[in-house]
Amino acid sequence: MYVFPCLFIKVKKDNSFYIGFAENLKEKMEKHNQGMVQSTKNIRPMELIYFESYKSKEDALIREKRLKHFAKGFSSLKSRLYNSLMLEG
């Protein structure tokens, strides 16, 4: 069984957020924090706050797209994770 995560990352530098997809969660986080991902190399370090796992790659990509492009889904997720997001101020 394959597991495809859709991830939600907090950028420690400016408290912004990054939403993405990964086939290998550990490897993806390492690449982000080592500056190997073009879109995030200037905003490190990053911290994984939350992820959801899907059996199909297509479902994970659909979820990623919905979180990135629909404010209601993103706001709902931030609301659910309020305490986790506030831990480091």
C-alpha atoms as a PDB file:
ATOM      1  CA  MET A   1       0.000   0.000   0.000  1.00  0.00           C
ATOM      2  CA  TYR A   2       1.333   3.415  -0.942  1.00  0.00           C
ATOM      3  CA  VAL A   3       0.754   6.468   1.207  1.00  0.00           C
ATOM      4  CA  PHE A   4       0.851   9.931  -0.332  1.00  0.00           C
ATOM      5  CA  PRO A   5       0.969  12.848   2.098  1.00  0.00           C
ATOM      6  CA  CYS A   6      -0.443  16.300   1.559  1.00  0.00           C
ATOM      7  CA  LEU A   7       1.499  18.494   3.959  1.00  0.00           C
ATOM      8  CA  PHE A   8       1.075  21.767   5.797  1.00  0.00           C
ATOM      9  CA  ILE A   9       4.292  23.493   6.827  1.00  0.00           C
ATOM     10  CA  LYS A  10       4.939  26.563   8.963  1.00  0.00           C
ATOM     11  CA  VAL A  11       7.763  28.823   7.824  1.00  0.00           C
ATOM     12  CA  LYS A  12       9.579  29.861  10.995  1.00  0.00           C
ATOM     13  CA  LYS A  13      11.229  32.902   9.409  1.00  0.00           C
ATOM     14  CA  ASP A  14       8.030  34.873   8.825  1.00  0.00           C
ATOM     15  CA  ASN A  15       5.209  32.675  10.208  1.00  0.00           C
ATOM     16  CA  SER A  16       3.811  32.084   6.726  1.00  0.00           C
ATOM     17  CA  PHE A  17       2.615  28.705   5.500  1.00  0.00           C
ATOM     18  CA  TYR A  18       3.470  26.287   2.734  1.00  0.00           C
ATOM     19  CA  ILE A  19       1.158  23.585   1.438  1.00  0.00           C
ATOM     20  CA  GLY A  20       2.528  20.812  -0.693  1.00  0.00           C
ATOM     21  CA  PHE A  21       2.523  17.222  -1.814  1.00  0.00           C
ATOM     22  CA  ALA A  22       5.224  14.627  -1.244  1.00  0.00           C
ATOM     23  CA  GLU A  23       5.756  11.021  -2.149  1.00  0.00           C
ATOM     24  CA  ASN A  24       8.345  10.746   0.642  1.00  0.00           C
ATOM     25  CA  LEU A  25       7.571  13.034   3.574  1.00  0.00           C
ATOM     26  CA  LYS A  26      10.924  12.788   5.366  1.00  0.00           C
ATOM     27  CA  GLU A  27      12.886  13.380   2.168  1.00  0.00           C
ATOM     28  CA  LYS A  28      10.679  16.330   1.197  1.00  0.00           C
ATOM     29  CA  MET A  29      11.192  18.046   4.564  1.00  0.00           C
ATOM     30  CA  GLU A  30      14.952  17.499   4.373  1.00  0.00           C
ATOM     31  CA  LYS A  31      15.063  19.014   0.889  1.00  0.00           C
ATOM     32  CA  HIS A  32      13.045  22.034   2.008  1.00  0.00           C
ATOM     33  CA  ASN A  33      15.267  22.666   5.018  1.00  0.00           C
ATOM     34  CA  GLN A  34      18.488  22.155   3.059  1.00  0.00           C
ATOM     35  CA  GLY A  35      17.427  24.778   0.513  1.00  0.00           C
ATOM     36  CA  MET A  36      17.059  22.292  -2.328  1.00  0.00           C
ATOM     37  CA  VAL A  37      13.509  23.373  -3.263  1.00  0.00           C
ATOM     38  CA  GLN A  38      13.503  26.498  -5.424  1.00  0.00           C
ATOM     39  CA  SER A  39      10.203  27.889  -4.124  1.00  0.00           C
ATOM     40  CA  THR A  40      11.208  27.702  -0.446  1.00  0.00           C
ATOM     41  CA  LYS A  41      14.989  27.988  -0.375  1.00  0.00           C
ATOM     42  CA  ASN A  42      14.920  31.611   0.830  1.00  0.00           C
ATOM     43  CA  ILE A  43      12.394  31.107   3.620  1.00  0.00           C
ATOM     44  CA  ARG A  44      13.992  28.398   5.729  1.00  0.00           C
ATOM     45  CA  PRO A  45      13.777  26.882   8.299  1.00  0.00           C
ATOM     46  CA  MET A  46      10.445  25.163   7.953  1.00  0.00           C
ATOM     47  CA  GLU A  47       8.521  23.011  10.401  1.00  0.00           C
ATOM     48  CA  LEU A  48       5.998  20.306   9.552  1.00  0.00           C
ATOM     49  CA  ILE A  49       2.803  21.147  11.420  1.00  0.00           C
ATOM     50  CA  TYR A  50       0.339  18.689   9.926  1.00  0.00           C
ATOM     51  CA  PHE A  51      -0.087  16.161   7.145  1.00  0.00           C
ATOM     52  CA  GLU A  52      -2.841  13.998   5.747  1.00  0.00           C
ATOM     53  CA  SER A  53      -2.177  10.648   4.088  1.00  0.00           C
ATOM     54  CA  TYR A  54      -3.973   9.329   1.041  1.00  0.00           C
ATOM     55  CA  LYS A  55      -3.893   5.935  -0.653  1.00  0.00           C
ATOM     56  CA  SER A  56      -3.869   7.512  -4.092  1.00  0.00           C
ATOM     57  CA  LYS A  57      -1.569  10.170  -5.458  1.00  0.00           C
ATOM     58  CA  GLU A  58      -4.510  11.748  -7.275  1.00  0.00           C
ATOM     59  CA  ASP A  59      -6.471  12.269  -4.034  1.00  0.00           C
ATOM     60  CA  ALA A  60      -3.453  13.862  -2.330  1.00  0.00           C
ATOM     61  CA  LEU A  61      -2.953  16.225  -5.267  1.00  0.00           C
ATOM     62  CA  ILE A  62      -6.641  17.173  -5.256  1.00  0.00           C
ATOM     63  CA  ARG A  63      -6.435  17.987  -1.540  1.00  0.00           C
ATOM     64  CA  GLU A  64      -3.271  20.040  -2.068  1.00  0.00           C
ATOM     65  CA  LYS A  65      -4.974  22.019  -4.831  1.00  0.00           C
ATOM     66  CA  ARG A  66      -8.068  22.652  -2.706  1.00  0.00           C
ATOM     67  CA  LEU A  67      -6.002  23.925   0.217  1.00  0.00           C
ATOM     68  CA  LYS A  68      -3.926  26.168  -2.041  1.00  0.00           C
ATOM     69  CA  HIS A  69      -6.756  27.621  -4.098  1.00  0.00           C
ATOM     70  CA  PHE A  70      -9.815  27.732  -1.851  1.00  0.00           C
ATOM     71  CA  ALA A  71      -9.609  30.056   1.145  1.00  0.00           C
ATOM     72  CA  LYS A  72     -12.384  28.276   3.057  1.00  0.00           C
ATOM     73  CA  GLY A  73     -10.468  24.983   3.191  1.00  0.00           C
ATOM     74  CA  PHE A  74      -7.235  26.695   4.218  1.00  0.00           C
ATOM     75  CA  SER A  75      -8.983  28.782   6.903  1.00  0.00           C
ATOM     76  CA  SER A  76     -10.716  25.695   8.252  1.00  0.00           C
ATOM     77  CA  LEU A  77      -7.410  23.846   8.537  1.00  0.00           C
ATOM     78  CA  LYS A  78      -5.694  26.789  10.261  1.00  0.00           C
ATOM     79  CA  SER A  79      -8.600  26.995  12.693  1.00  0.00           C
ATOM     80  CA  ARG A  80      -8.322  23.283  13.546  1.00  0.00           C
ATOM     81  CA  LEU A  81      -4.575  23.648  14.107  1.00  0.00           C
ATOM     82  CA  TYR A  82      -4.744  26.895  16.083  1.00  0.00           C
ATOM     83  CA  ASN A  83      -2.940  25.613  19.185  1.00  0.00           C
ATOM     84  CA  SER A  84      -0.185  23.921  17.189  1.00  0.00           C
ATOM     85  CA  LEU A  85       0.409  27.075  15.201  1.00  0.00           C
ATOM     86  CA  MET A  86       0.680  29.210  18.338  1.00  0.00           C
ATOM     87  CA  LEU A  87       3.230  27.052  20.184  1.00  0.00           C
ATOM     88  CA  GLU A  88       6.236  28.999  18.939  1.00  0.00           C
ATOM     89  CA  GLY A  89       4.517  32.363  18.642  1.00  0.00           C
END
